Amino acid sequence: MTDCQFCDIANRRTKAQIIYESDLALAFLDHRPVSKGHSLVISKAHFDNLYDIEFKPLLEVFRVAKIVSVALNKVFNPYGINLMQNNGMHAGQTVFHFHVHIIPRYDSEYVKVLEEAAMKRFVTNDSFLEADARKIRSAMKG
């Protein structure tokens, strides 16, 4: 892949504060952090998103995310940690190279965001869920 900033980091063409590396994944501090310790874990090989990534690098990215999360928790003692993985522009993906954000939380402000989102949730009719479940199961078979 050409012109990918995460490929450039993985291939050492762009500097980053790397905090962990394995054969298939790389973790580094986000240069525009949401909070102290905000880290990214990427697959070293280029995959645009969750739909494209192969299982072995996918599993490795999440294994590394666990290792980094435990370290961040020890070092910074946040109130909590979010793992975030976006797929597609409308889901907030801005770099089209598979990656996971690890975002330590230090205050209760984010809880308000989650509460606001929860207020928009609604209980749906089970027949709608049943129809959706049938479609999803069918898609996984084929």
C-alpha atoms as a PDB file:
ATOM      1  CA  MET A   1       0.000   0.000   0.000  1.00  0.00           C
ATOM      2  CA  THR A   2       1.315   3.417  -0.882  1.00  0.00           C
ATOM      3  CA  ASP A   3       0.453   6.658   0.874  1.00  0.00           C
ATOM      4  CA  CYS A   4      -0.668   5.111   4.155  1.00  0.00           C
ATOM      5  CA  GLN A   5       0.568   6.831   7.298  1.00  0.00           C
ATOM      6  CA  PHE A   6       0.269   3.667   9.400  1.00  0.00           C
ATOM      7  CA  CYS A   7       2.201   1.626   6.834  1.00  0.00           C
ATOM      8  CA  ASP A   8       4.833   4.360   7.006  1.00  0.00           C
ATOM      9  CA  ILE A   9       5.027   3.928  10.790  1.00  0.00           C
ATOM     10  CA  ALA A  10       5.128   0.126  10.533  1.00  0.00           C
ATOM     11  CA  ASN A  11       7.931   0.359   7.973  1.00  0.00           C
ATOM     12  CA  ARG A  12       9.803   3.049   9.960  1.00  0.00           C
ATOM     13  CA  ARG A  13       9.434   5.709   7.275  1.00  0.00           C
ATOM     14  CA  THR A  14       7.610   7.909   9.796  1.00  0.00           C
ATOM     15  CA  LYS A  15       8.639   8.302  13.414  1.00  0.00           C
ATOM     16  CA  ALA A  16       6.292   7.239  16.189  1.00  0.00           C
ATOM     17  CA  GLN A  17       6.635   6.539  19.895  1.00  0.00           C
ATOM     18  CA  ILE A  18       6.433   2.764  19.623  1.00  0.00           C
ATOM     19  CA  ILE A  19       5.532   1.074  22.881  1.00  0.00           C
ATOM     20  CA  TYR A  20       5.139  -2.560  21.786  1.00  0.00           C
ATOM     21  CA  GLU A  21       5.885  -4.640  18.727  1.00  0.00           C
ATOM     22  CA  SER A  22       5.305  -8.206  17.628  1.00  0.00           C
ATOM     23  CA  ASP A  23       5.694  -9.932  14.270  1.00  0.00           C
ATOM     24  CA  LEU A  24       2.205  -8.901  13.122  1.00  0.00           C
ATOM     25  CA  ALA A  25       1.260  -5.843  15.184  1.00  0.00           C
ATOM     26  CA  LEU A  26       2.654  -2.559  16.410  1.00  0.00           C
ATOM     27  CA  ALA A  27       1.494  -0.280  19.243  1.00  0.00           C
ATOM     28  CA  PHE A  28       2.394   3.382  19.525  1.00  0.00           C
ATOM     29  CA  LEU A  29       1.213   6.534  21.249  1.00  0.00           C
ATOM     30  CA  ASP A  30      -1.308   8.577  19.292  1.00  0.00           C
ATOM     31  CA  HIS A  31       0.249  11.897  18.221  1.00  0.00           C
ATOM     32  CA  ARG A  32      -3.143  13.597  18.726  1.00  0.00           C
ATOM     33  CA  PRO A  33      -4.249  11.957  21.969  1.00  0.00           C
ATOM     34  CA  VAL A  34      -7.729  12.151  23.426  1.00  0.00           C
ATOM     35  CA  SER A  35      -6.153  11.507  26.820  1.00  0.00           C
ATOM     36  CA  LYS A  36      -2.818  10.698  28.446  1.00  0.00           C
ATOM     37  CA  GLY A  37      -1.623   7.322  27.202  1.00  0.00           C
ATOM     38  CA  HIS A  38      -3.979   7.193  24.182  1.00  0.00           C
ATOM     39  CA  SER A  39      -2.425   4.463  22.067  1.00  0.00           C
ATOM     40  CA  LEU A  40      -3.031   2.812  18.724  1.00  0.00           C
ATOM     41  CA  VAL A  41      -2.463  -0.810  17.809  1.00  0.00           C
ATOM     42  CA  ILE A  42      -2.129  -1.549  14.105  1.00  0.00           C
ATOM     43  CA  SER A  43      -1.604  -4.599  11.977  1.00  0.00           C
ATOM     44  CA  LYS A  44       1.808  -4.357  10.348  1.00  0.00           C
ATOM     45  CA  ALA A  45       0.367  -5.581   7.070  1.00  0.00           C
ATOM     46  CA  HIS A  46      -2.069  -3.236   5.378  1.00  0.00           C
ATOM     47  CA  PHE A  47      -5.749  -4.028   5.683  1.00  0.00           C
ATOM     48  CA  ASP A  48      -8.259  -1.228   5.203  1.00  0.00           C
ATOM     49  CA  ASN A  49     -10.664  -2.286   7.942  1.00  0.00           C
ATOM     50  CA  LEU A  50     -12.277  -5.099   9.900  1.00  0.00           C
ATOM     51  CA  TYR A  51     -13.930  -6.462   6.757  1.00  0.00           C
ATOM     52  CA  ASP A  52     -10.560  -6.977   5.048  1.00  0.00           C
ATOM     53  CA  ILE A  53      -8.225  -8.112   7.826  1.00  0.00           C
ATOM     54  CA  GLU A  54      -7.233 -11.761   8.051  1.00  0.00           C
ATOM     55  CA  PHE A  55      -7.877 -13.613  11.306  1.00  0.00           C
ATOM     56  CA  LYS A  56      -4.265 -14.108  12.398  1.00  0.00           C
ATOM     57  CA  PRO A  57      -3.321 -10.386  12.357  1.00  0.00           C
ATOM     58  CA  LEU A  58      -6.747  -9.489  13.770  1.00  0.00           C
ATOM     59  CA  LEU A  59      -6.200 -11.738  16.771  1.00  0.00           C
ATOM     60  CA  GLU A  60      -2.674 -10.398  17.225  1.00  0.00           C
ATOM     61  CA  VAL A  61      -3.873  -6.781  17.232  1.00  0.00           C
ATOM     62  CA  PHE A  62      -6.318  -7.572  20.023  1.00  0.00           C
ATOM     63  CA  ARG A  63      -3.703  -9.609  21.944  1.00  0.00           C
ATOM     64  CA  VAL A  64      -1.395  -6.584  21.816  1.00  0.00           C
ATOM     65  CA  ALA A  65      -4.295  -4.289  22.790  1.00  0.00           C
ATOM     66  CA  LYS A  66      -4.734  -6.372  25.957  1.00  0.00           C
ATOM     67  CA  ILE A  67      -1.020  -6.134  26.806  1.00  0.00           C
ATOM     68  CA  VAL A  68      -0.950  -2.368  26.237  1.00  0.00           C
ATOM     69  CA  SER A  69      -4.201  -1.824  28.171  1.00  0.00           C
ATOM     70  CA  VAL A  70      -2.834  -3.648  31.206  1.00  0.00           C
ATOM     71  CA  ALA A  71       0.353  -1.549  31.076  1.00  0.00           C
ATOM     72  CA  LEU A  72      -1.587   1.716  30.714  1.00  0.00           C
ATOM     73  CA  ASN A  73      -3.739   0.746  33.666  1.00  0.00           C
ATOM     74  CA  LYS A  74      -0.620   0.082  35.801  1.00  0.00           C
ATOM     75  CA  VAL A  75       1.210   3.244  34.752  1.00  0.00           C
ATOM     76  CA  PHE A  76      -1.589   5.827  34.696  1.00  0.00           C
ATOM     77  CA  ASN A  77      -4.316   4.261  36.871  1.00  0.00           C
ATOM     78  CA  PRO A  78      -7.219   5.678  34.814  1.00  0.00           C
ATOM     79  CA  TYR A  79     -10.852   5.334  35.897  1.00  0.00           C
ATOM     80  CA  GLY A  80     -11.378   3.112  32.856  1.00  0.00           C
ATOM     81  CA  ILE A  81     -10.148   2.337  29.365  1.00  0.00           C
ATOM     82  CA  ASN A  82     -12.043   2.312  26.076  1.00  0.00           C
ATOM     83  CA  LEU A  83     -11.080   0.138  23.137  1.00  0.00           C
ATOM     84  CA  MET A  84     -12.419   1.650  19.933  1.00  0.00           C
ATOM     85  CA  GLN A  85     -12.263   0.281  16.418  1.00  0.00           C
ATOM     86  CA  ASN A  86     -13.983   2.182  13.578  1.00  0.00           C
ATOM     87  CA  ASN A  87     -14.854   0.874  10.115  1.00  0.00           C
ATOM     88  CA  GLY A  88     -15.744   3.292   7.364  1.00  0.00           C
ATOM     89  CA  MET A  89     -15.946   7.049   7.194  1.00  0.00           C
ATOM     90  CA  HIS A  90     -19.450   7.169   8.678  1.00  0.00           C
ATOM     91  CA  ALA A  91     -18.260   5.214  11.711  1.00  0.00           C
ATOM     92  CA  GLY A  92     -15.454   7.701  12.333  1.00  0.00           C
ATOM     93  CA  GLN A  93     -12.588   5.941  10.553  1.00  0.00           C
ATOM     94  CA  THR A  94     -10.125   8.552   9.320  1.00  0.00           C
ATOM     95  CA  VAL A  95      -7.074   6.388   8.596  1.00  0.00           C
ATOM     96  CA  PHE A  96      -7.978   3.481   6.362  1.00  0.00           C
ATOM     97  CA  HIS A  97      -5.551   0.972   7.844  1.00  0.00           C
ATOM     98  CA  PHE A  98      -6.947  -1.441  10.441  1.00  0.00           C
ATOM     99  CA  HIS A  99      -6.275  -0.161  13.948  1.00  0.00           C
ATOM    100  CA  VAL A 100      -7.622  -0.134  17.485  1.00  0.00           C
ATOM    101  CA  HIS A 101      -7.613   2.900  19.756  1.00  0.00           C
ATOM    102  CA  ILE A 102      -6.862   2.377  23.447  1.00  0.00           C
ATOM    103  CA  ILE A 103      -8.154   5.421  25.305  1.00  0.00           C
ATOM    104  CA  PRO A 104      -7.629   5.777  29.055  1.00  0.00           C
ATOM    105  CA  ARG A 105     -10.384   7.755  30.817  1.00  0.00           C
ATOM    106  CA  TYR A 106      -9.583  10.041  33.734  1.00  0.00           C
ATOM    107  CA  ASP A 107     -12.825  11.871  34.435  1.00  0.00           C
ATOM    108  CA  SER A 108     -16.548  11.311  34.392  1.00  0.00           C
ATOM    109  CA  GLU A 109     -17.226  13.412  31.279  1.00  0.00           C
ATOM    110  CA  TYR A 110     -17.250  10.409  28.990  1.00  0.00           C
ATOM    111  CA  VAL A 111     -19.887   8.755  31.164  1.00  0.00           C
ATOM    112  CA  LYS A 112     -22.201  11.643  30.202  1.00  0.00           C
ATOM    113  CA  VAL A 113     -21.649  10.881  26.516  1.00  0.00           C
ATOM    114  CA  LEU A 114     -22.524   7.241  27.098  1.00  0.00           C
ATOM    115  CA  GLU A 115     -25.601   8.204  29.108  1.00  0.00           C
ATOM    116  CA  GLU A 116     -26.765  10.462  26.273  1.00  0.00           C
ATOM    117  CA  ALA A 117     -26.305   7.644  23.784  1.00  0.00           C
ATOM    118  CA  ALA A 118     -28.189   5.260  26.074  1.00  0.00           C
ATOM    119  CA  MET A 119     -31.121   7.662  26.179  1.00  0.00           C
ATOM    120  CA  LYS A 120     -31.535   7.205  22.403  1.00  0.00           C
ATOM    121  CA  ARG A 121     -31.849   3.433  22.708  1.00  0.00           C
ATOM    122  CA  PHE A 122     -35.241   1.810  22.451  1.00  0.00           C
ATOM    123  CA  VAL A 123     -36.808  -1.578  23.001  1.00  0.00           C
ATOM    124  CA  THR A 124     -37.769  -3.185  19.736  1.00  0.00           C
ATOM    125  CA  ASN A 125     -40.322  -5.793  18.837  1.00  0.00           C
ATOM    126  CA  ASP A 126     -38.911  -9.318  19.052  1.00  0.00           C
ATOM    127  CA  SER A 127     -40.261 -10.151  15.579  1.00  0.00           C
ATOM    128  CA  PHE A 128     -37.964  -7.455  14.110  1.00  0.00           C
ATOM    129  CA  LEU A 129     -35.015  -8.934  15.988  1.00  0.00           C
ATOM    130  CA  GLU A 130     -35.937 -12.414  14.822  1.00  0.00           C
ATOM    131  CA  ALA A 131     -36.028 -11.300  11.174  1.00  0.00           C
ATOM    132  CA  ASP A 132     -32.690  -9.505  11.520  1.00  0.00           C
ATOM    133  CA  ALA A 133     -31.119 -12.498  13.261  1.00  0.00           C
ATOM    134  CA  ARG A 134     -32.286 -14.799  10.466  1.00  0.00           C
ATOM    135  CA  LYS A 135     -30.684 -12.514   7.821  1.00  0.00           C
ATOM    136  CA  ILE A 136     -27.422 -12.280   9.772  1.00  0.00           C
ATOM    137  CA  ARG A 137     -27.207 -16.068  10.299  1.00  0.00           C
ATOM    138  CA  SER A 138     -27.838 -16.574   6.587  1.00  0.00           C
ATOM    139  CA  ALA A 139     -25.057 -14.131   5.652  1.00  0.00           C
ATOM    140  CA  MET A 140     -22.584 -15.991   7.865  1.00  0.00           C
ATOM    141  CA  LYS A 141     -23.353 -19.301   6.124  1.00  0.00           C
ATOM    142  CA  GLY A 142     -22.716 -17.977   2.645  1.00  0.00           C
END
